[in-house]
Amino acid sequence: MDMPKCTICKRSLKEVYKITGNQPTWALRNMIKALEMLPLMNTKEDNERLAAAKICLKHPNPQYT
């Protein structure tokens, strides 16, 4: 079965979940809050992690489906 791709970063959902470290929902929400506080201080990796965390909240983990 072909994995759906993320429209923002063109990555599969498995890769997106790897970026965030397969965190629980509450940890993803905290990560988003923290990374959105001072966006000017974020590195490229932080911005990728922020986008991945937002995607993870919208889509179920493919590992468990």
PDB file of N, CA and C in Angstrom:
ATOM      1  N   MET A   1       0.835  -1.175   0.000  1.00  0.00           N
ATOM      2  CA  MET A   1       0.000   0.000   0.000  1.00  0.00           C
ATOM      3  C   MET A   1       0.880   1.238   0.000  1.00  0.00           C
ATOM      4  N   ASP A   2       0.529   2.220  -0.791  1.00  0.00           N
ATOM      5  CA  ASP A   2       1.303   3.431  -0.920  1.00  0.00           C
ATOM      6  C   ASP A   2       0.993   4.376   0.240  1.00  0.00           C
ATOM      7  N   MET A   3       2.031   4.854   0.919  1.00  0.00           N
ATOM      8  CA  MET A   3       1.843   5.753   2.052  1.00  0.00           C
ATOM      9  C   MET A   3       1.478   7.143   1.557  1.00  0.00           C
ATOM     10  N   PRO A   4       0.533   7.810   2.226  1.00  0.00           N
ATOM     11  CA  PRO A   4       0.190   9.180   1.825  1.00  0.00           C
ATOM     12  C   PRO A   4       1.353  10.116   2.106  1.00  0.00           C
ATOM     13  N   LYS A   5       1.489  11.114   1.272  1.00  0.00           N
ATOM     14  CA  LYS A   5       2.567  12.083   1.424  1.00  0.00           C
ATOM     15  C   LYS A   5       2.044  13.343   2.091  1.00  0.00           C
ATOM     16  N   CYS A   6       2.879  13.989   2.834  1.00  0.00           N
ATOM     17  CA  CYS A   6       2.559  15.271   3.433  1.00  0.00           C
ATOM     18  C   CYS A   6       2.626  16.338   2.347  1.00  0.00           C
ATOM     19  N   THR A   7       1.610  17.182   2.272  1.00  0.00           N
ATOM     20  CA  THR A   7       1.595  18.195   1.221  1.00  0.00           C
ATOM     21  C   THR A   7       2.544  19.345   1.519  1.00  0.00           C
ATOM     22  N   ILE A   8       2.880  19.546   2.786  1.00  0.00           N
ATOM     23  CA  ILE A   8       3.753  20.663   3.145  1.00  0.00           C
ATOM     24  C   ILE A   8       5.218  20.336   2.879  1.00  0.00           C
ATOM     25  N   CYS A   9       5.676  19.195   3.373  1.00  0.00           N
ATOM     26  CA  CYS A   9       7.099  18.885   3.282  1.00  0.00           C
ATOM     27  C   CYS A   9       7.408  17.731   2.340  1.00  0.00           C
ATOM     28  N   LYS A  10       6.396  17.178   1.650  1.00  0.00           N
ATOM     29  CA  LYS A  10       6.571  16.105   0.669  1.00  0.00           C
ATOM     30  C   LYS A  10       7.236  14.861   1.263  1.00  0.00           C
ATOM     31  N   ARG A  11       6.937  14.574   2.514  1.00  0.00           N
ATOM     32  CA  ARG A  11       7.481  13.390   3.171  1.00  0.00           C
ATOM     33  C   ARG A  11       6.345  12.424   3.483  1.00  0.00           C
ATOM     34  N   SER A  12       6.666  11.170   3.644  1.00  0.00           N
ATOM     35  CA  SER A  12       5.642  10.210   4.033  1.00  0.00           C
ATOM     36  C   SER A  12       5.334  10.406   5.518  1.00  0.00           C
ATOM     37  N   LEU A  13       4.188   9.883   5.943  1.00  0.00           N
ATOM     38  CA  LEU A  13       3.803  10.037   7.342  1.00  0.00           C
ATOM     39  C   LEU A  13       4.765   9.315   8.277  1.00  0.00           C
ATOM     40  N   LYS A  14       5.358   8.200   7.820  1.00  0.00           N
ATOM     41  CA  LYS A  14       6.343   7.514   8.653  1.00  0.00           C
ATOM     42  C   LYS A  14       7.551   8.412   8.920  1.00  0.00           C
ATOM     43  N   GLU A  15       8.008   9.114   7.895  1.00  0.00           N
ATOM     44  CA  GLU A  15       9.146  10.023   8.063  1.00  0.00           C
ATOM     45  C   GLU A  15       8.789  11.185   8.981  1.00  0.00           C
ATOM     46  N   VAL A  16       7.557  11.681   8.854  1.00  0.00           N
ATOM     47  CA  VAL A  16       7.113  12.790   9.705  1.00  0.00           C
ATOM     48  C   VAL A  16       7.099  12.348  11.162  1.00  0.00           C
ATOM     49  N   TYR A  17       6.609  11.148  11.430  1.00  0.00           N
ATOM     50  CA  TYR A  17       6.595  10.650  12.805  1.00  0.00           C
ATOM     51  C   TYR A  17       8.004  10.371  13.317  1.00  0.00           C
ATOM     52  N   LYS A  18       8.935  10.015  12.441  1.00  0.00           N
ATOM     53  CA  LYS A  18      10.327   9.835  12.867  1.00  0.00           C
ATOM     54  C   LYS A  18      10.956  11.166  13.278  1.00  0.00           C
ATOM     55  N   ILE A  19      10.606  12.242  12.568  1.00  0.00           N
ATOM     56  CA  ILE A  19      11.154  13.564  12.884  1.00  0.00           C
ATOM     57  C   ILE A  19      10.750  13.981  14.289  1.00  0.00           C
ATOM     58  N   THR A  20       9.494  13.732  14.643  1.00  0.00           N
ATOM     59  CA  THR A  20       9.015  14.144  15.965  1.00  0.00           C
ATOM     60  C   THR A  20       9.399  13.159  17.052  1.00  0.00           C
ATOM     61  N   GLY A  21       9.892  12.014  16.692  1.00  0.00           N
ATOM     62  CA  GLY A  21      10.315  11.042  17.689  1.00  0.00           C
ATOM     63  C   GLY A  21       9.180  10.202  18.234  1.00  0.00           C
ATOM     64  N   ASN A  22       8.076  10.087  17.474  1.00  0.00           N
ATOM     65  CA  ASN A  22       6.934   9.266  17.864  1.00  0.00           C
ATOM     66  C   ASN A  22       6.438   9.636  19.256  1.00  0.00           C
ATOM     67  N   GLN A  23       6.201  10.928  19.481  1.00  0.00           N
ATOM     68  CA  GLN A  23       5.774  11.462  20.773  1.00  0.00           C
ATOM     69  C   GLN A  23       4.266  11.325  20.968  1.00  0.00           C
ATOM     70  N   PRO A  24       3.803  11.311  22.228  1.00  0.00           N
ATOM     71  CA  PRO A  24       2.361  11.320  22.475  1.00  0.00           C
ATOM     72  C   PRO A  24       1.767  12.692  22.125  1.00  0.00           C
ATOM     73  N   THR A  25       0.442  12.741  22.062  1.00  0.00           N
ATOM     74  CA  THR A  25      -0.256  13.957  21.633  1.00  0.00           C
ATOM     75  C   THR A  25       0.070  15.141  22.537  1.00  0.00           C
ATOM     76  N   TRP A  26       0.088  14.928  23.842  1.00  0.00           N
ATOM     77  CA  TRP A  26       0.343  16.050  24.754  1.00  0.00           C
ATOM     78  C   TRP A  26       1.748  16.615  24.543  1.00  0.00           C
ATOM     79  N   ALA A  27       2.711  15.759  24.228  1.00  0.00           N
ATOM     80  CA  ALA A  27       4.077  16.222  24.002  1.00  0.00           C
ATOM     81  C   ALA A  27       4.178  16.996  22.681  1.00  0.00           C
ATOM     82  N   LEU A  28       3.421  16.561  21.672  1.00  0.00           N
ATOM     83  CA  LEU A  28       3.412  17.283  20.395  1.00  0.00           C
ATOM     84  C   LEU A  28       2.826  18.677  20.567  1.00  0.00           C
ATOM     85  N   ARG A  29       1.752  18.783  21.347  1.00  0.00           N
ATOM     86  CA  ARG A  29       1.149  20.102  21.597  1.00  0.00           C
ATOM     87  C   ARG A  29       2.126  21.018  22.320  1.00  0.00           C
ATOM     88  N   ASN A  30       2.834  20.481  23.311  1.00  0.00           N
ATOM     89  CA  ASN A  30       3.831  21.281  24.028  1.00  0.00           C
ATOM     90  C   ASN A  30       4.981  21.689  23.111  1.00  0.00           C
ATOM     91  N   MET A  31       5.385  20.787  22.220  1.00  0.00           N
ATOM     92  CA  MET A  31       6.453  21.085  21.278  1.00  0.00           C
ATOM     93  C   MET A  31       6.043  22.232  20.351  1.00  0.00           C
ATOM     94  N   ILE A  32       4.806  22.191  19.873  1.00  0.00           N
ATOM     95  CA  ILE A  32       4.313  23.243  18.986  1.00  0.00           C
ATOM     96  C   ILE A  32       4.288  24.580  19.709  1.00  0.00           C
ATOM     97  N   LYS A  33       3.793  24.585  20.950  1.00  0.00           N
ATOM     98  CA  LYS A  33       3.755  25.828  21.730  1.00  0.00           C
ATOM     99  C   LYS A  33       5.158  26.410  21.909  1.00  0.00           C
ATOM    100  N   ALA A  34       6.091  25.558  22.256  1.00  0.00           N
ATOM    101  CA  ALA A  34       7.456  26.015  22.513  1.00  0.00           C
ATOM    102  C   ALA A  34       8.118  26.546  21.238  1.00  0.00           C
ATOM    103  N   LEU A  35       7.928  25.865  20.126  1.00  0.00           N
ATOM    104  CA  LEU A  35       8.579  26.286  18.894  1.00  0.00           C
ATOM    105  C   LEU A  35       7.918  27.509  18.269  1.00  0.00           C
ATOM    106  N   GLU A  36       6.651  27.776  18.621  1.00  0.00           N
ATOM    107  CA  GLU A  36       5.980  28.955  18.081  1.00  0.00           C
ATOM    108  C   GLU A  36       6.208  30.210  18.912  1.00  0.00           C
ATOM    109  N   MET A  37       6.805  30.073  20.101  1.00  0.00           N
ATOM    110  CA  MET A  37       7.007  31.235  20.965  1.00  0.00           C
ATOM    111  C   MET A  37       7.970  32.245  20.360  1.00  0.00           C
ATOM    112  N   LEU A  38       9.129  31.779  19.924  1.00  0.00           N
ATOM    113  CA  LEU A  38      10.132  32.657  19.321  1.00  0.00           C
ATOM    114  C   LEU A  38      10.594  32.055  17.997  1.00  0.00           C
ATOM    115  N   PRO A  39       9.814  32.238  16.941  1.00  0.00           N
ATOM    116  CA  PRO A  39      10.158  31.600  15.667  1.00  0.00           C
ATOM    117  C   PRO A  39      11.455  32.118  15.045  1.00  0.00           C
ATOM    118  N   LEU A  40      11.884  33.309  15.415  1.00  0.00           N
ATOM    119  CA  LEU A  40      13.129  33.837  14.852  1.00  0.00           C
ATOM    120  C   LEU A  40      14.357  33.084  15.357  1.00  0.00           C
ATOM    121  N   MET A  41      14.236  32.435  16.493  1.00  0.00           N
ATOM    122  CA  MET A  41      15.368  31.693  17.054  1.00  0.00           C
ATOM    123  C   MET A  41      15.407  30.248  16.576  1.00  0.00           C
ATOM    124  N   ASN A  42      14.388  29.795  15.846  1.00  0.00           N
ATOM    125  CA  ASN A  42      14.345  28.415  15.375  1.00  0.00           C
ATOM    126  C   ASN A  42      15.351  28.180  14.259  1.00  0.00           C
ATOM    127  N   THR A  43      15.967  27.030  14.309  1.00  0.00           N
ATOM    128  CA  THR A  43      16.854  26.608  13.226  1.00  0.00           C
ATOM    129  C   THR A  43      16.016  25.931  12.142  1.00  0.00           C
ATOM    130  N   LYS A  44      16.661  25.520  11.077  1.00  0.00           N
ATOM    131  CA  LYS A  44      15.962  24.820  10.005  1.00  0.00           C
ATOM    132  C   LYS A  44      15.361  23.519  10.527  1.00  0.00           C
ATOM    133  N   GLU A  45      16.090  22.810  11.381  1.00  0.00           N
ATOM    134  CA  GLU A  45      15.598  21.563  11.958  1.00  0.00           C
ATOM    135  C   GLU A  45      14.399  21.813  12.861  1.00  0.00           C
ATOM    136  N   ASP A  46      14.433  22.914  13.616  1.00  0.00           N
ATOM    137  CA  ASP A  46      13.298  23.255  14.469  1.00  0.00           C
ATOM    138  C   ASP A  46      12.047  23.537  13.641  1.00  0.00           C
ATOM    139  N   ASN A  47      12.212  24.227  12.524  1.00  0.00           N
ATOM    140  CA  ASN A  47      11.067  24.508  11.657  1.00  0.00           C
ATOM    141  C   ASN A  47      10.500  23.232  11.046  1.00  0.00           C
ATOM    142  N   GLU A  48      11.372  22.295  10.685  1.00  0.00           N
ATOM    143  CA  GLU A  48      10.911  21.005  10.176  1.00  0.00           C
ATOM    144  C   GLU A  48      10.165  20.239  11.262  1.00  0.00           C
ATOM    145  N   ARG A  49      10.681  20.288  12.490  1.00  0.00           N
ATOM    146  CA  ARG A  49      10.039  19.608  13.607  1.00  0.00           C
ATOM    147  C   ARG A  49       8.669  20.219  13.906  1.00  0.00           C
ATOM    148  N   LEU A  50       8.561  21.547  13.796  1.00  0.00           N
ATOM    149  CA  LEU A  50       7.290  22.228  14.017  1.00  0.00           C
ATOM    150  C   LEU A  50       6.258  21.815  12.980  1.00  0.00           C
ATOM    151  N   ALA A  51       6.654  21.801  11.719  1.00  0.00           N
ATOM    152  CA  ALA A  51       5.732  21.392  10.659  1.00  0.00           C
ATOM    153  C   ALA A  51       5.335  19.927  10.825  1.00  0.00           C
ATOM    154  N   ALA A  52       6.286  19.083  11.208  1.00  0.00           N
ATOM    155  CA  ALA A  52       5.995  17.663  11.401  1.00  0.00           C
ATOM    156  C   ALA A  52       5.048  17.446  12.578  1.00  0.00           C
ATOM    157  N   ALA A  53       5.229  18.199  13.648  1.00  0.00           N
ATOM    158  CA  ALA A  53       4.355  18.055  14.813  1.00  0.00           C
ATOM    159  C   ALA A  53       2.921  18.455  14.476  1.00  0.00           C
ATOM    160  N   LYS A  54       2.760  19.500  13.687  1.00  0.00           N
ATOM    161  CA  LYS A  54       1.416  19.916  13.280  1.00  0.00           C
ATOM    162  C   LYS A  54       0.752  18.851  12.423  1.00  0.00           C
ATOM    163  N   ILE A  55       1.518  18.211  11.568  1.00  0.00           N
ATOM    164  CA  ILE A  55       0.979  17.150  10.715  1.00  0.00           C
ATOM    165  C   ILE A  55       0.614  15.932  11.557  1.00  0.00           C
ATOM    166  N   CYS A  56       1.433  15.607  12.542  1.00  0.00           N
ATOM    167  CA  CYS A  56       1.168  14.445  13.392  1.00  0.00           C
ATOM    168  C   CYS A  56      -0.133  14.592  14.171  1.00  0.00           C
ATOM    169  N   LEU A  57      -0.495  15.819  14.529  1.00  0.00           N
ATOM    170  CA  LEU A  57      -1.748  16.017  15.246  1.00  0.00           C
ATOM    171  C   LEU A  57      -2.955  15.809  14.338  1.00  0.00           C
ATOM    172  N   LYS A  58      -2.775  15.999  13.038  1.00  0.00           N
ATOM    173  CA  LYS A  58      -3.895  15.885  12.108  1.00  0.00           C
ATOM    174  C   LYS A  58      -4.090  14.467  11.567  1.00  0.00           C
ATOM    175  N   HIS A  59      -3.039  13.669  11.545  1.00  0.00           N
ATOM    176  CA  HIS A  59      -3.100  12.344  10.933  1.00  0.00           C
ATOM    177  C   HIS A  59      -2.724  11.274  11.953  1.00  0.00           C
ATOM    178  N   PRO A  60      -3.392  10.126  11.917  1.00  0.00           N
ATOM    179  CA  PRO A  60      -3.028   9.031  12.833  1.00  0.00           C
ATOM    180  C   PRO A  60      -1.676   8.424  12.446  1.00  0.00           C
ATOM    181  N   ASN A  61      -1.029   7.862  13.428  1.00  0.00           N
ATOM    182  CA  ASN A  61       0.263   7.238  13.209  1.00  0.00           C
ATOM    183  C   ASN A  61       0.082   5.987  12.332  1.00  0.00           C
ATOM    184  N   PRO A  62       0.758   5.902  11.197  1.00  0.00           N
ATOM    185  CA  PRO A  62       0.603   4.744  10.313  1.00  0.00           C
ATOM    186  C   PRO A  62       1.141   3.456  10.929  1.00  0.00           C
ATOM    187  N   GLN A  63       1.950   3.556  11.946  1.00  0.00           N
ATOM    188  CA  GLN A  63       2.488   2.376  12.613  1.00  0.00           C
ATOM    189  C   GLN A  63       1.365   1.599  13.308  1.00  0.00           C
ATOM    190  N   TYR A  64       0.322   2.293  13.757  1.00  0.00           N
ATOM    191  CA  TYR A  64      -0.744   1.658  14.515  1.00  0.00           C
ATOM    192  C   TYR A  64      -2.019   1.452  13.717  1.00  0.00           C
ATOM    193  N   THR A  65      -2.020   1.772  12.438  1.00  0.00           N
ATOM    194  CA  THR A  65      -3.234   1.589  11.633  1.00  0.00           C
ATOM    195  C   THR A  65      -3.122   0.372  10.758  1.00  0.00           C
TER     196      THR A  65
END
